[in-house]
Amino acid sequence: MYRIAARGGTTSRLARIVVAVLLAAAAVGLLGVSTSDAHGSGGNLDVSRERFGTMPDGTVVYRYVLRNARGMEVKLITYGGAIQSLRVPDRHGRLANVTLGFSTLEGYLNPANPYFGCITGRYANRIDEGRFTLDGVTYQLAINNPPNHLHGGNVGFDKRVWDAEVVRNRGSVGVRFHRVSPNGEENYPGTLDATVTYTLNNRNALRMRYQATTDAPTIVNLTNHAYWNLQGEGSGDINDHELLLRASHYTPVDPTLIPTGAIDPVAGTPLDFTRSTRIGERIRDSHPQLLIGRGYDHNWVLDRHGSGLELAARLRDPRSGRVLEVITDQPGIQFYSGNFLDGTLVGTSGRTYRQGDGLALETQHYPDSPNHPNFPSTVLRPGQRYDTTTIYRFSTDH
């Protein structure tokens, strides 16, 4: 807030005019001043836009940069609605980018891009042989992860350029991504109107709100596919990270990573993260589920106590002291330990990514839900609204 004290008619009027101009400029970010935190954290929140690259068809891809008063910085690109970079401080206040990604658009256009930071949809995760039946009609989707369908198909939401607009709320700034997926896109039924809104506050929390409506019955399961390394992107593997999952059950998979339909307890298995456990402690165990996934690549069934936002996961890096909490209203979370990173991709640091150099914690409905009546439904019908929220909250352990 800018204050100018003055006495006298002309001077007082001039002061009021100056104050009005300054406030208006602050409101639109011309002075680098945005909404102050509603909870009194103090400092400024800022959002800016810059050109990131150009698609082969000439479409411009933009990058939006969100910053808060505590040094956290989030970079989002309109290609795939992806988190391209996310910088947070360690226990000594030193900043590092803790998410895997590419420094240029060309990296994201590479067919080998393993969904770094993107919005995945229409259906995140796998569908058995790409086939599901809805209201008596069977739909055949692309087999892009043989023999299954993965993350929305050949050209899913991760490979689309989204419309974007800046949003400013009391206590946060962000970007709202929007696109309309036409009926029949990737052979999904119904026109899906989808919005994903990212907002950052001064408590180092990045909120993602997913919303969608349809004009015909369809299925939908949206998430974000960020890969995390709290030591810093390009610093090595995540085996020393400690993970807590609020989940006493998981959905075991067959040799093609499709759920069998069972919901099994984690107790007595290397999939038990009900107590904070070093990721590398059991990742090389000979448990059949770890052999199938070459590590962790499973859906955990969250121990939920209601329908609202609840803590799902807590990730800690002992070396840096960085902590990531995942808070969601979704019934499941996919923990993927970066098993298929193979050293052929170069990240934003200029270093290659090898197996286990990052992990994903994807909040979601269960994989292949349309083919398992005992799983929570992913069907969306006209008149209904898909509306779900996940928060990634960062802190340190000091």
Protein backbone atom coordinates (compact mmCIF):
# COMPACT_ATOMS: atom_id res chain seq x y z
CA MET A 1 0.00 0.00 0.00
CA TYR A 2 1.28 3.46 -0.91
CA ARG A 3 0.47 6.33 1.44
CA ILE A 4 0.85 10.05 0.76
CA ALA A 5 0.01 12.50 3.53
CA ALA A 6 -0.89 16.07 2.45
CA ARG A 7 -2.78 19.13 3.62
CA GLY A 8 -4.58 21.76 1.66
CA GLY A 9 -7.17 21.52 -1.11
CA THR A 10 -5.00 21.34 -4.26
CA THR A 11 -2.28 19.25 -2.67
CA SER A 12 -4.86 16.94 -1.11
CA ARG A 13 -6.61 16.45 -4.46
CA LEU A 14 -3.25 15.79 -6.12
CA ALA A 15 -2.39 13.25 -3.42
CA ARG A 16 -5.68 11.45 -3.96
CA ILE A 17 -5.06 11.33 -7.71
CA VAL A 18 -1.53 9.97 -7.22
CA VAL A 19 -2.79 7.32 -4.79
CA ALA A 20 -5.52 6.27 -7.24
CA VAL A 21 -3.02 5.96 -10.08
CA LEU A 22 -0.61 3.94 -7.95
CA LEU A 23 -3.35 1.59 -6.78
CA ALA A 24 -4.59 1.07 -10.33
CA ALA A 25 -1.08 0.35 -11.54
CA ALA A 26 -0.55 -2.11 -8.73
CA ALA A 27 -3.79 -3.88 -9.56
CA VAL A 28 -2.66 -4.62 -13.12
CA GLY A 29 0.90 -5.47 -12.11
CA LEU A 30 2.54 -2.47 -13.78
CA LEU A 31 4.58 -1.85 -10.66
CA GLY A 32 5.31 -5.49 -10.00
CA VAL A 33 2.80 -5.38 -7.16
CA SER A 34 0.01 -7.93 -7.09
CA THR A 35 -2.38 -9.25 -4.52
CA SER A 36 -0.95 -9.48 -0.99
CA ASP A 37 -1.37 -12.77 0.82
CA ALA A 38 -4.74 -13.09 2.50
CA HIS A 39 -3.16 -14.69 5.57
CA GLY A 40 -0.73 -11.90 6.20
CA SER A 41 2.48 -13.52 4.94
CA GLY A 42 3.41 -10.14 3.47
CA GLY A 43 5.34 -9.33 0.32
CA ASN A 44 4.33 -9.41 -3.29
CA LEU A 45 2.90 -12.00 -5.65
CA ASP A 46 3.73 -11.54 -9.30
CA VAL A 47 2.87 -13.12 -12.65
CA SER A 48 4.41 -12.38 -16.03
CA ARG A 49 4.33 -13.82 -19.54
CA GLU A 50 7.05 -14.43 -22.11
CA ARG A 51 7.43 -16.20 -25.43
CA PHE A 52 8.73 -19.78 -25.06
CA GLY A 53 8.70 -21.07 -28.63
CA THR A 54 6.75 -21.67 -31.80
CA MET A 55 4.96 -24.85 -32.87
CA PRO A 56 5.61 -26.30 -36.37
CA ASP A 57 2.25 -24.86 -37.49
CA GLY A 58 3.21 -21.38 -36.29
CA THR A 59 1.27 -21.38 -33.02
CA VAL A 60 3.12 -19.42 -30.36
CA VAL A 61 3.76 -21.17 -27.04
CA TYR A 62 3.95 -18.86 -24.04
CA ARG A 63 5.55 -19.29 -20.64
CA TYR A 64 3.96 -17.78 -17.54
CA VAL A 65 6.13 -17.10 -14.51
CA LEU A 66 4.57 -17.03 -11.04
CA ARG A 67 6.57 -15.68 -8.08
CA ASN A 68 5.82 -15.18 -4.43
CA ALA A 69 7.41 -13.24 -1.57
CA ARG A 70 9.33 -16.26 -0.26
CA GLY A 71 11.32 -16.86 -3.41
CA MET A 72 9.21 -19.65 -4.89
CA GLU A 73 8.98 -19.45 -8.68
CA VAL A 74 6.79 -21.55 -10.96
CA LYS A 75 7.10 -21.54 -14.76
CA LEU A 76 4.15 -22.86 -16.77
CA ILE A 77 3.96 -23.29 -20.54
CA THR A 78 0.88 -23.36 -22.71
CA TYR A 79 2.10 -26.53 -24.45
CA GLY A 80 0.48 -29.27 -22.40
CA GLY A 81 -0.25 -26.81 -19.61
CA ALA A 82 3.04 -28.06 -18.20
CA ILE A 83 5.08 -27.08 -15.17
CA GLN A 84 8.41 -26.36 -16.86
CA SER A 85 10.31 -25.31 -13.75
CA LEU A 86 9.60 -24.90 -10.04
CA ARG A 87 12.14 -23.28 -7.74
CA VAL A 88 11.90 -23.44 -3.95
CA PRO A 89 14.40 -22.76 -1.14
CA ASP A 90 16.19 -25.41 0.91
CA ARG A 91 16.68 -25.23 4.68
CA HIS A 92 19.40 -22.60 4.16
CA GLY A 93 17.31 -20.50 1.79
CA ARG A 94 19.12 -21.63 -1.35
CA LEU A 95 16.87 -21.94 -4.38
CA ALA A 96 16.81 -24.91 -6.76
CA ASN A 97 14.54 -26.16 -9.51
CA VAL A 98 12.97 -29.35 -8.13
CA THR A 99 11.03 -30.58 -11.16
CA LEU A 100 12.30 -32.31 -14.31
CA GLY A 101 11.78 -30.62 -17.65
CA PHE A 102 13.35 -29.15 -20.77
CA SER A 103 14.86 -25.74 -21.43
CA THR A 104 13.29 -25.41 -24.90
CA LEU A 105 10.01 -26.24 -26.61
CA GLU A 106 11.85 -28.71 -28.85
CA GLY A 107 12.45 -30.92 -25.83
CA TYR A 108 8.74 -31.11 -25.10
CA LEU A 109 7.98 -31.90 -28.76
CA ASN A 110 10.39 -34.85 -28.68
CA PRO A 111 8.32 -38.07 -28.97
CA ALA A 112 10.46 -39.48 -26.14
CA ASN A 113 9.22 -36.81 -23.71
CA PRO A 114 7.88 -38.85 -20.75
CA TYR A 115 5.06 -36.39 -19.93
CA PHE A 116 7.27 -33.98 -17.96
CA GLY A 117 5.07 -31.65 -15.89
CA CYS A 118 2.06 -31.82 -18.19
CA ILE A 119 -1.71 -32.07 -17.85
CA THR A 120 -2.66 -35.64 -18.77
CA GLY A 121 -6.07 -36.46 -20.21
CA ARG A 122 -8.70 -37.09 -21.18
CA TYR A 123 -7.89 -40.15 -19.14
CA ALA A 124 -4.71 -40.16 -17.07
CA ASN A 125 -2.99 -43.52 -16.68
CA ARG A 126 -3.86 -46.76 -18.52
CA ILE A 127 -6.97 -48.34 -20.03
CA ASP A 128 -6.80 -52.05 -20.77
CA GLU A 129 -6.26 -52.60 -24.51
CA GLY A 130 -7.70 -49.12 -25.04
CA ARG A 131 -11.25 -50.40 -24.76
CA PHE A 132 -14.18 -49.51 -22.54
CA THR A 133 -17.97 -49.75 -22.70
CA LEU A 134 -20.27 -46.92 -21.69
CA ASP A 135 -24.07 -47.14 -21.82
CA GLY A 136 -23.85 -50.23 -23.99
CA VAL A 137 -21.48 -48.69 -26.55
CA THR A 138 -17.89 -49.97 -26.80
CA TYR A 139 -15.16 -47.47 -27.64
CA GLN A 140 -11.73 -48.35 -28.99
CA LEU A 141 -8.98 -45.88 -28.09
CA ALA A 142 -5.43 -45.67 -29.41
CA ILE A 143 -2.93 -48.31 -28.29
CA ASN A 144 -0.05 -45.93 -27.56
CA ASN A 145 1.48 -47.99 -24.73
CA PRO A 146 1.14 -51.50 -26.18
CA PRO A 147 -1.03 -53.31 -25.50
CA ASN A 148 -2.80 -50.47 -23.66
CA HIS A 149 -3.99 -46.89 -23.92
CA LEU A 150 -2.03 -44.36 -21.85
CA HIS A 151 -2.61 -40.75 -20.78
CA GLY A 152 -5.22 -39.85 -23.37
CA GLY A 153 -3.75 -41.35 -26.52
CA ASN A 154 -1.45 -40.38 -29.36
CA VAL A 155 -2.23 -36.67 -29.08
CA GLY A 156 -3.53 -36.28 -25.56
CA PHE A 157 -3.92 -33.10 -23.52
CA ASP A 158 -0.16 -33.13 -22.94
CA LYS A 159 0.47 -32.45 -26.65
CA ARG A 160 -2.05 -29.65 -27.10
CA VAL A 161 -1.49 -25.90 -26.87
CA TRP A 162 -3.93 -24.56 -24.30
CA ASP A 163 -5.53 -21.13 -24.17
CA ALA A 164 -4.35 -19.25 -21.09
CA GLU A 165 -5.24 -16.21 -19.03
CA VAL A 166 -3.81 -14.68 -15.87
CA VAL A 167 -5.90 -14.94 -12.71
CA ARG A 168 -5.47 -12.83 -9.60
CA ASN A 169 -7.30 -13.59 -6.41
CA ARG A 170 -7.02 -12.35 -2.87
CA GLY A 171 -3.87 -14.05 -1.69
CA SER A 172 -2.79 -15.77 -4.93
CA VAL A 173 -1.84 -15.32 -8.57
CA GLY A 174 -1.99 -17.88 -11.33
CA VAL A 175 -2.89 -19.03 -14.80
CA ARG A 176 -6.11 -20.56 -16.07
CA PHE A 177 -5.62 -23.02 -18.94
CA HIS A 178 -8.60 -23.90 -21.11
CA ARG A 179 -9.35 -26.05 -24.11
CA VAL A 180 -12.35 -27.73 -25.71
CA SER A 181 -11.75 -31.34 -26.70
CA PRO A 182 -14.19 -32.07 -29.53
CA ASN A 183 -16.39 -35.13 -29.69
CA GLY A 184 -14.37 -38.03 -31.08
CA GLU A 185 -10.95 -36.59 -30.27
CA GLU A 186 -8.75 -39.66 -29.69
CA ASN A 187 -12.09 -41.50 -30.09
CA TYR A 188 -13.45 -40.33 -26.74
CA PRO A 189 -17.19 -39.60 -26.79
CA GLY A 190 -18.61 -36.16 -26.05
CA THR A 191 -17.27 -32.64 -26.34
CA LEU A 192 -15.28 -31.99 -23.17
CA ASP A 193 -14.84 -28.40 -22.02
CA ALA A 194 -11.81 -28.52 -19.71
CA THR A 195 -10.15 -25.93 -17.48
CA VAL A 196 -7.07 -26.33 -15.29
CA THR A 197 -6.19 -23.42 -13.00
CA TYR A 198 -2.81 -23.15 -11.28
CA THR A 199 -2.51 -20.63 -8.43
CA LEU A 200 0.44 -19.78 -6.18
CA ASN A 201 0.25 -18.18 -2.73
CA ASN A 202 2.78 -16.88 -0.24
CA ARG A 203 2.70 -20.12 1.73
CA ASN A 204 4.60 -21.91 -1.05
CA ALA A 205 1.51 -23.83 -2.10
CA LEU A 206 0.72 -24.47 -5.75
CA ARG A 207 -2.97 -25.28 -6.18
CA MET A 208 -4.30 -27.09 -9.25
CA ARG A 209 -8.04 -27.07 -9.86
CA TYR A 210 -9.38 -29.28 -12.66
CA GLN A 211 -12.86 -28.61 -14.04
CA ALA A 212 -14.76 -30.09 -16.97
CA THR A 213 -18.22 -30.45 -18.47
CA THR A 214 -19.48 -32.60 -21.33
CA ASP A 215 -22.38 -32.61 -23.80
CA ALA A 216 -22.56 -36.43 -23.91
CA PRO A 217 -21.64 -39.25 -21.51
CA THR A 218 -17.87 -39.74 -21.38
CA ILE A 219 -15.04 -40.66 -19.04
CA VAL A 220 -12.51 -38.25 -17.58
CA ASN A 221 -9.53 -38.51 -15.25
CA LEU A 222 -7.18 -35.50 -15.19
CA THR A 223 -3.91 -35.05 -13.33
CA ASN A 224 -0.50 -33.41 -13.53
CA HIS A 225 2.57 -35.50 -14.39
CA ALA A 226 5.35 -33.50 -12.72
CA TYR A 227 8.53 -35.39 -11.82
CA TRP A 228 10.07 -34.26 -8.53
CA ASN A 229 13.61 -34.30 -7.19
CA LEU A 230 13.81 -32.21 -4.02
CA GLN A 231 17.61 -32.22 -4.06
CA GLY A 232 17.35 -30.38 -7.38
CA GLU A 233 16.68 -31.33 -10.97
CA GLY A 234 19.70 -33.04 -12.52
CA SER A 235 21.32 -33.75 -9.13
CA GLY A 236 21.04 -37.56 -9.25
CA ASP A 237 18.50 -40.12 -8.09
CA ILE A 238 15.70 -39.89 -5.54
CA ASN A 239 16.52 -43.09 -3.65
CA ASP A 240 17.39 -41.20 -0.45
CA HIS A 241 14.11 -39.27 -0.46
CA GLU A 242 11.74 -40.34 2.30
CA LEU A 243 8.12 -40.95 1.30
CA LEU A 244 4.92 -41.22 3.31
CA LEU A 245 1.71 -42.32 1.58
CA ARG A 246 -1.57 -42.15 3.49
CA ALA A 247 -2.67 -45.42 1.93
CA SER A 248 -3.02 -48.87 3.49
CA HIS A 249 -4.09 -50.50 0.20
CA TYR A 250 -3.07 -50.44 -3.46
CA THR A 251 -4.30 -51.84 -6.77
CA PRO A 252 -1.94 -54.63 -7.93
CA VAL A 253 -1.24 -54.85 -11.66
CA ASP A 254 -0.79 -57.53 -14.29
CA PRO A 255 2.36 -57.81 -16.44
CA THR A 256 1.10 -54.95 -18.68
CA LEU A 257 0.60 -52.61 -15.68
CA ILE A 258 -3.21 -52.88 -15.82
CA PRO A 259 -4.96 -53.31 -12.44
CA THR A 260 -6.20 -56.83 -11.78
CA GLY A 261 -9.29 -55.45 -10.04
CA ALA A 262 -8.06 -56.43 -6.61
CA ILE A 263 -7.52 -53.93 -3.80
CA ASP A 264 -4.78 -55.41 -1.64
CA PRO A 265 -3.20 -54.35 1.66
CA VAL A 266 0.31 -52.92 1.53
CA ALA A 267 1.22 -54.41 4.91
CA GLY A 268 4.10 -56.83 4.65
CA THR A 269 5.10 -55.68 1.16
CA PRO A 270 7.68 -53.17 -0.15
CA LEU A 271 4.70 -51.02 -1.18
CA ASP A 272 4.04 -50.07 2.44
CA PHE A 273 4.75 -46.36 2.86
CA THR A 274 2.31 -45.81 5.73
CA ARG A 275 5.41 -44.78 7.67
CA SER A 276 7.96 -42.45 6.12
CA THR A 277 10.42 -44.72 4.33
CA ARG A 278 13.51 -44.18 2.22
CA ILE A 279 12.48 -44.89 -1.39
CA GLY A 280 15.61 -46.87 -2.18
CA GLU A 281 15.28 -49.06 0.89
CA ARG A 282 13.19 -51.75 -0.83
CA ILE A 283 13.06 -50.72 -4.48
CA ARG A 284 15.32 -53.64 -5.49
CA ASP A 285 13.29 -56.26 -3.62
CA SER A 286 12.18 -59.26 -5.66
CA HIS A 287 8.48 -58.66 -5.00
CA PRO A 288 6.53 -59.56 -8.18
CA GLN A 289 4.91 -56.12 -8.36
CA LEU A 290 8.30 -54.38 -8.37
CA LEU A 291 9.56 -56.72 -11.08
CA ILE A 292 6.58 -55.82 -13.29
CA GLY A 293 7.09 -52.07 -12.90
CA ARG A 294 10.91 -52.14 -12.73
CA GLY A 295 10.33 -50.30 -9.47
CA TYR A 296 7.30 -48.39 -8.22
CA ASP A 297 4.59 -47.60 -10.76
CA HIS A 298 1.36 -48.29 -8.92
CA ASN A 299 -1.87 -46.71 -7.76
CA TRP A 300 -2.28 -46.40 -4.01
CA VAL A 301 -5.81 -46.33 -2.55
CA LEU A 302 -5.86 -43.35 -0.21
CA ASP A 303 -7.21 -43.72 3.33
CA ARG A 304 -9.76 -40.97 3.01
CA HIS A 305 -12.01 -39.70 5.81
CA GLY A 306 -14.36 -37.55 3.76
CA SER A 307 -14.80 -35.87 0.39
CA GLY A 308 -12.64 -32.79 0.95
CA LEU A 309 -8.95 -32.03 0.71
CA GLU A 310 -6.73 -34.36 2.74
CA LEU A 311 -3.04 -35.09 2.97
CA ALA A 312 -2.16 -37.90 0.55
CA ALA A 313 1.65 -37.91 0.51
CA ARG A 314 4.67 -36.35 2.17
CA LEU A 315 8.06 -36.38 0.47
CA ARG A 316 11.27 -35.25 2.22
CA ASP A 317 14.84 -34.88 1.05
CA PRO A 318 17.13 -35.18 4.10
CA ARG A 319 20.08 -33.44 2.40
CA SER A 320 18.34 -30.22 1.39
CA GLY A 321 15.61 -30.30 4.01
CA ARG A 322 12.97 -29.66 1.37
CA VAL A 323 9.54 -31.16 2.02
CA LEU A 324 6.66 -31.63 -0.42
CA GLU A 325 3.14 -32.35 0.79
CA VAL A 326 0.46 -33.49 -1.65
CA ILE A 327 -3.08 -32.62 -0.60
CA THR A 328 -6.04 -33.77 -2.66
CA ASP A 329 -9.70 -34.73 -2.82
CA GLN A 330 -8.98 -37.64 -5.19
CA PRO A 331 -9.32 -41.32 -4.18
CA GLY A 332 -5.92 -42.47 -5.46
CA ILE A 333 -2.34 -41.48 -6.10
CA GLN A 334 0.12 -42.98 -8.58
CA PHE A 335 3.67 -43.16 -7.28
CA TYR A 336 6.08 -43.65 -10.18
CA SER A 337 9.80 -43.82 -9.38
CA GLY A 338 11.10 -42.79 -12.81
CA ASN A 339 11.92 -46.36 -13.80
CA PHE A 340 12.03 -45.76 -17.55
CA LEU A 341 14.30 -42.72 -17.60
CA ASP A 342 17.29 -44.03 -19.53
CA GLY A 343 19.89 -41.28 -19.90
CA THR A 344 18.83 -40.17 -23.38
CA LEU A 345 17.11 -36.94 -22.32
CA VAL A 346 18.87 -33.72 -21.30
CA GLY A 347 17.08 -31.56 -18.75
CA THR A 348 17.01 -27.86 -17.92
CA SER A 349 20.29 -28.17 -16.00
CA GLY A 350 22.09 -29.56 -19.06
CA ARG A 351 22.40 -32.94 -17.33
CA THR A 352 20.95 -36.23 -18.52
CA TYR A 353 18.12 -37.97 -16.70
CA ARG A 354 18.77 -41.57 -15.70
CA GLN A 355 16.62 -44.18 -14.00
CA GLY A 356 15.22 -42.89 -10.73
CA ASP A 357 16.32 -39.26 -11.21
CA GLY A 358 12.78 -38.06 -10.51
CA LEU A 359 9.48 -39.36 -9.18
CA ALA A 360 5.85 -38.60 -9.92
CA LEU A 361 2.99 -38.36 -7.41
CA GLU A 362 -0.12 -38.18 -9.60
CA THR A 363 -3.44 -37.69 -7.83
CA GLN A 364 -6.16 -39.51 -9.72
CA HIS A 365 -8.99 -41.98 -9.98
CA TYR A 366 -7.70 -45.51 -10.40
CA PRO A 367 -6.22 -46.75 -13.68
CA ASP A 368 -8.63 -48.65 -15.95
CA SER A 369 -11.61 -47.67 -13.78
CA PRO A 370 -14.13 -47.93 -16.67
CA ASN A 371 -13.43 -51.67 -16.79
CA HIS A 372 -13.71 -52.29 -13.03
CA PRO A 373 -17.17 -51.69 -11.51
CA ASN A 374 -15.69 -51.94 -8.00
CA PHE A 375 -13.47 -48.89 -8.62
CA PRO A 376 -14.76 -45.31 -8.15
CA SER A 377 -16.54 -44.20 -11.32
CA THR A 378 -14.90 -41.87 -13.83
CA VAL A 379 -18.08 -41.35 -15.88
CA LEU A 380 -19.12 -37.75 -16.52
CA ARG A 381 -22.59 -36.97 -17.87
CA PRO A 382 -24.25 -33.82 -19.26
CA GLY A 383 -25.34 -31.56 -16.43
CA GLN A 384 -22.57 -32.83 -14.15
CA ARG A 385 -19.34 -30.99 -13.43
CA TYR A 386 -15.96 -32.62 -12.96
CA ASP A 387 -14.29 -30.51 -10.26
CA THR A 388 -11.25 -31.66 -8.33
CA THR A 389 -8.32 -29.99 -6.58
CA THR A 390 -4.77 -30.96 -5.69
CA ILE A 391 -2.26 -28.84 -3.79
CA TYR A 392 1.51 -29.24 -3.86
CA ARG A 393 2.82 -27.50 -0.74
CA PHE A 394 6.55 -26.94 -0.16
CA SER A 395 8.38 -26.29 3.09
CA THR A 396 11.63 -27.20 4.87
CA ASP A 397 12.33 -29.36 7.90
CA HIS A 398 14.13 -26.77 10.05
